[in-house]
Protein backbone atom coordinates (compact mmCIF):
# COMPACT_ATOMS: atom_id res chain seq x y z
CA MET A 1 35.61 -67.52 -22.88
CA ALA A 2 37.80 -64.50 -22.10
CA ASP A 3 39.77 -62.85 -24.86
CA VAL A 4 43.55 -62.44 -24.81
CA GLU A 5 43.36 -58.73 -23.98
CA ASP A 6 41.18 -59.39 -20.93
CA ILE A 7 43.38 -62.30 -19.79
CA LEU A 8 46.60 -60.26 -19.85
CA THR A 9 45.02 -57.25 -18.16
CA ARG A 10 43.53 -59.39 -15.40
CA ASN A 11 46.81 -61.27 -15.00
CA LEU A 12 48.68 -58.03 -14.34
CA LEU A 13 46.11 -56.43 -12.03
CA GLU A 14 44.33 -59.38 -10.39
CA VAL A 15 47.22 -61.85 -10.11
CA PHE A 16 50.48 -59.90 -9.91
CA GLY A 17 48.78 -56.90 -8.33
CA GLU A 18 46.55 -58.75 -5.86
CA ARG A 19 47.81 -58.89 -2.28
CA ASP A 20 44.86 -60.89 -0.95
CA ASP A 21 45.94 -64.55 -1.17
CA ALA A 22 42.46 -66.03 -1.65
CA ARG A 23 41.38 -63.55 -4.34
CA ARG A 24 44.69 -63.97 -6.18
CA ARG A 25 44.45 -67.76 -6.10
CA ALA A 26 40.89 -67.75 -7.43
CA VAL A 27 42.02 -65.69 -10.43
CA ILE A 28 45.07 -67.91 -10.97
CA ASP A 29 42.79 -70.95 -11.09
CA GLU A 30 40.56 -69.17 -13.60
CA LEU A 31 43.23 -67.70 -15.90
CA TYR A 32 46.01 -70.30 -15.94
CA ASP A 33 46.20 -73.79 -17.38
CA ALA A 34 47.06 -76.35 -14.67
CA ASP A 35 50.43 -77.07 -16.32
CA VAL A 36 51.31 -73.44 -17.12
CA LEU A 37 54.97 -72.53 -17.62
CA PHE A 38 56.11 -69.14 -16.29
CA GLN A 39 59.55 -67.83 -17.05
CA ASP A 40 61.26 -64.61 -15.98
CA PRO A 41 64.91 -63.58 -15.51
CA GLU A 42 65.05 -65.57 -12.25
CA GLY A 43 64.14 -68.84 -13.98
CA ALA A 44 61.15 -70.97 -14.83
CA VAL A 45 58.37 -72.48 -12.72
CA ARG A 46 55.53 -74.76 -13.72
CA GLY A 47 52.00 -74.98 -12.41
CA ARG A 48 49.52 -72.78 -10.61
CA ASP A 49 50.93 -73.41 -7.12
CA ALA A 50 54.42 -72.33 -8.21
CA ILE A 51 53.11 -69.14 -9.82
CA ASP A 52 51.05 -68.33 -6.74
CA ALA A 53 54.11 -68.79 -4.50
CA LYS A 54 56.26 -66.65 -6.80
CA VAL A 55 53.73 -63.80 -6.87
CA ALA A 56 53.23 -63.98 -3.09
CA ALA A 57 56.99 -63.65 -2.54
CA LEU A 58 57.24 -60.76 -5.01
CA LEU A 59 54.41 -58.86 -3.33
CA ALA A 60 55.80 -59.57 0.16
CA ASP A 61 59.03 -57.81 -0.88
CA ALA A 62 57.25 -54.82 -2.45
CA PRO A 63 56.19 -51.86 -0.29
CA PRO A 64 52.41 -51.75 0.30
CA ALA A 65 52.09 -48.52 -1.72
CA PHE A 66 53.55 -50.16 -4.84
CA ALA A 67 51.18 -51.21 -7.60
CA PHE A 68 51.39 -52.67 -11.09
CA ARG A 69 49.92 -50.66 -13.93
CA PRO A 70 49.77 -51.21 -17.68
CA THR A 71 51.83 -48.74 -19.71
CA GLY A 72 50.21 -49.44 -23.04
CA PRO A 73 47.47 -51.43 -24.69
CA VAL A 74 47.55 -55.20 -24.93
CA ARG A 75 48.81 -56.19 -28.36
CA VAL A 76 47.29 -59.40 -29.70
CA SER A 77 48.12 -61.78 -32.51
CA GLY A 78 45.80 -64.78 -32.47
CA ASP A 79 46.40 -66.61 -29.19
CA LEU A 80 49.47 -64.52 -28.24
CA GLY A 81 49.33 -61.32 -26.20
CA VAL A 82 51.90 -58.73 -25.14
CA LEU A 83 51.45 -56.16 -22.36
CA THR A 84 53.95 -53.59 -21.10
CA TRP A 85 53.74 -52.60 -17.43
CA ALA A 86 55.32 -50.63 -14.61
CA LEU A 87 55.65 -51.27 -10.88
CA GLY A 88 56.09 -48.48 -8.38
CA PRO A 89 54.33 -46.19 -5.96
CA GLU A 90 50.84 -45.24 -7.06
CA GLY A 91 51.11 -41.97 -8.93
CA GLY A 92 54.92 -42.02 -8.75
CA GLU A 93 57.82 -43.04 -10.91
CA PRO A 94 58.16 -46.80 -11.51
CA VAL A 95 61.02 -48.73 -9.96
CA VAL A 96 60.80 -51.44 -12.61
CA THR A 97 59.16 -51.80 -16.00
CA GLY A 98 58.70 -54.84 -18.16
CA THR A 99 56.74 -56.79 -20.70
CA ASP A 100 54.53 -59.84 -20.30
CA ILE A 101 54.16 -62.19 -23.26
CA ALA A 102 51.45 -64.81 -22.89
CA LEU A 103 50.42 -67.73 -25.05
CA THR A 104 46.82 -68.73 -24.43
CA GLN A 105 44.80 -71.79 -25.28
CA ASP A 106 41.09 -72.29 -24.69
CA GLY A 107 40.90 -69.02 -22.75
CA ARG A 108 43.77 -69.78 -20.34
CA ILE A 109 47.44 -68.89 -20.15
CA VAL A 110 49.63 -71.88 -21.03
CA ARG A 111 52.95 -69.98 -21.18
CA LEU A 112 53.88 -66.64 -19.66
CA HIS A 113 57.21 -64.90 -20.14
CA THR A 114 58.19 -61.72 -18.32
CA LEU A 115 60.98 -59.53 -19.66
CA LEU A 116 62.38 -56.74 -17.47
CA ASP A 117 63.63 -53.46 -18.88
CA GLY A 118 67.06 -52.17 -17.92
CA GLY A 119 67.94 -48.73 -16.67
CA VAL A 120 64.88 -47.99 -14.54
């Protein structure tokens, strides 16, 4: 079973950062509980299909040169993990930064919250 640090890192890079639909979906199926709740400033969605659609739309709007990258280590407390990240051109200044907070159970994400930073 994957640990919380690995789950959050893979979520950022292999789900939110993966432009290939099939590869992204395979990781979603591996990392997320079937009834996962994802909430960000735009609202909440439930389930793997909804998360996949949300990520696909986000990546479709982002320029191809943009990539997600962690900006610090994953912080873990039991089954809860926190990861700060940035999105922007590879090697360039980010256009948005934020924090993912994930609650895991049995090696899968059951709740994921994304907070966006202001002023970037």
